Amino acid sequence: MEDLGNPISYLVLEKGTHVYSSDGKKLGKLNKVIADEQRDIFEGIVLDPMPIIPGDLKEIPADRIEGIYERGVVIAPEG
């Protein structure tokens, strides 16, 4: 996996940020962050696996997020 930079807050994640599996495989791009901003609760992300499967958005819950970095988000496998 490429250098993803420093850890950052979910509050500054940008749409289009690359999303990777914990073994370094590129899974797609960030479509949006799911959060309750008033209560500052991060709930997860919406992954767009384009161009692999266009339009097949997937919600990834916060408990599967291993890290949020300047140039990528890392998620753990299901299960």
Protein backbone atom coordinates (compact mmCIF):
# COMPACT_ATOMS: atom_id res chain seq x y z
CA MET A 1 0.00 0.00 0.00
CA GLU A 2 1.25 3.49 -0.76
CA ASP A 3 2.05 5.97 1.99
CA LEU A 4 -1.31 7.30 3.14
CA GLY A 5 0.10 10.18 5.15
CA ASN A 6 -0.75 11.20 8.67
CA PRO A 7 -3.89 10.17 10.56
CA ILE A 8 -6.73 12.71 10.29
CA SER A 9 -10.24 13.25 11.62
CA TYR A 10 -13.31 12.04 9.76
CA LEU A 11 -14.39 15.69 9.77
CA VAL A 12 -11.86 16.57 7.05
CA LEU A 13 -12.25 13.49 4.83
CA GLU A 14 -12.97 14.46 1.25
CA LYS A 15 -15.21 12.75 -1.28
CA GLY A 16 -13.05 10.76 -3.70
CA THR A 17 -10.45 9.70 -1.11
CA HIS A 18 -9.18 6.19 -1.89
CA VAL A 19 -10.41 3.34 0.32
CA TYR A 20 -8.21 0.28 0.92
CA SER A 21 -8.58 -3.09 2.60
CA SER A 22 -6.23 -3.81 5.50
CA ASP A 23 -4.08 -5.93 3.16
CA GLY A 24 -3.55 -2.94 0.84
CA LYS A 25 -6.04 -3.70 -1.95
CA LYS A 26 -7.71 -0.60 -3.40
CA LEU A 27 -11.48 -1.04 -2.95
CA GLY A 28 -12.78 2.20 -4.42
CA LYS A 29 -13.36 5.78 -3.35
CA LEU A 30 -15.14 7.54 -0.53
CA ASN A 31 -18.62 8.68 -1.57
CA LYS A 32 -19.53 10.28 1.76
CA VAL A 33 -19.01 10.21 5.51
CA ILE A 34 -21.85 9.07 7.75
CA ALA A 35 -21.87 11.02 11.02
CA ASP A 36 -24.00 12.82 13.55
CA GLU A 37 -22.04 16.06 13.44
CA GLN A 38 -24.08 17.76 16.20
CA ARG A 39 -23.08 15.00 18.63
CA ASP A 40 -19.64 14.43 16.99
CA ILE A 41 -20.30 10.74 16.40
CA PHE A 42 -18.64 9.01 13.45
CA GLU A 43 -20.91 6.25 12.14
CA GLY A 44 -19.02 5.09 9.03
CA ILE A 45 -18.51 5.78 5.34
CA VAL A 46 -20.17 5.08 2.02
CA LEU A 47 -17.79 3.33 -0.39
CA ASP A 48 -18.11 3.73 -4.15
CA PRO A 49 -16.28 0.76 -5.72
CA MET A 50 -16.00 2.59 -9.09
CA PRO A 51 -14.81 1.71 -11.63
CA ILE A 52 -15.07 -1.89 -10.45
CA ILE A 53 -18.85 -1.88 -9.93
CA PRO A 54 -20.27 1.56 -10.88
CA GLY A 55 -23.16 2.77 -8.74
CA ASP A 56 -22.97 -0.10 -6.25
CA LEU A 57 -22.52 2.01 -3.10
CA LYS A 58 -21.70 0.15 0.11
CA GLU A 59 -22.06 1.40 3.69
CA ILE A 60 -19.08 0.56 5.88
CA PRO A 61 -19.78 0.92 9.63
CA ALA A 62 -17.33 2.79 11.88
CA ASP A 63 -16.28 -0.38 13.71
CA ARG A 64 -14.70 -1.65 10.45
CA ILE A 65 -12.60 1.47 9.90
CA GLU A 66 -8.99 0.72 10.86
CA GLY A 67 -7.61 4.13 10.00
CA ILE A 68 -8.37 7.48 8.41
CA TYR A 69 -5.40 9.19 6.78
CA GLU A 70 -4.61 12.19 4.59
CA ARG A 71 -4.63 10.09 1.42
CA GLY A 72 -6.76 7.07 2.26
CA VAL A 73 -9.11 5.14 4.50
CA VAL A 74 -8.30 1.58 5.60
CA ILE A 75 -11.08 -0.89 6.41
CA ALA A 76 -11.00 -4.29 8.09
CA PRO A 77 -12.52 -7.38 6.49
CA GLU A 78 -16.10 -8.31 7.37
CA GLY A 79 -16.65 -10.81 10.11
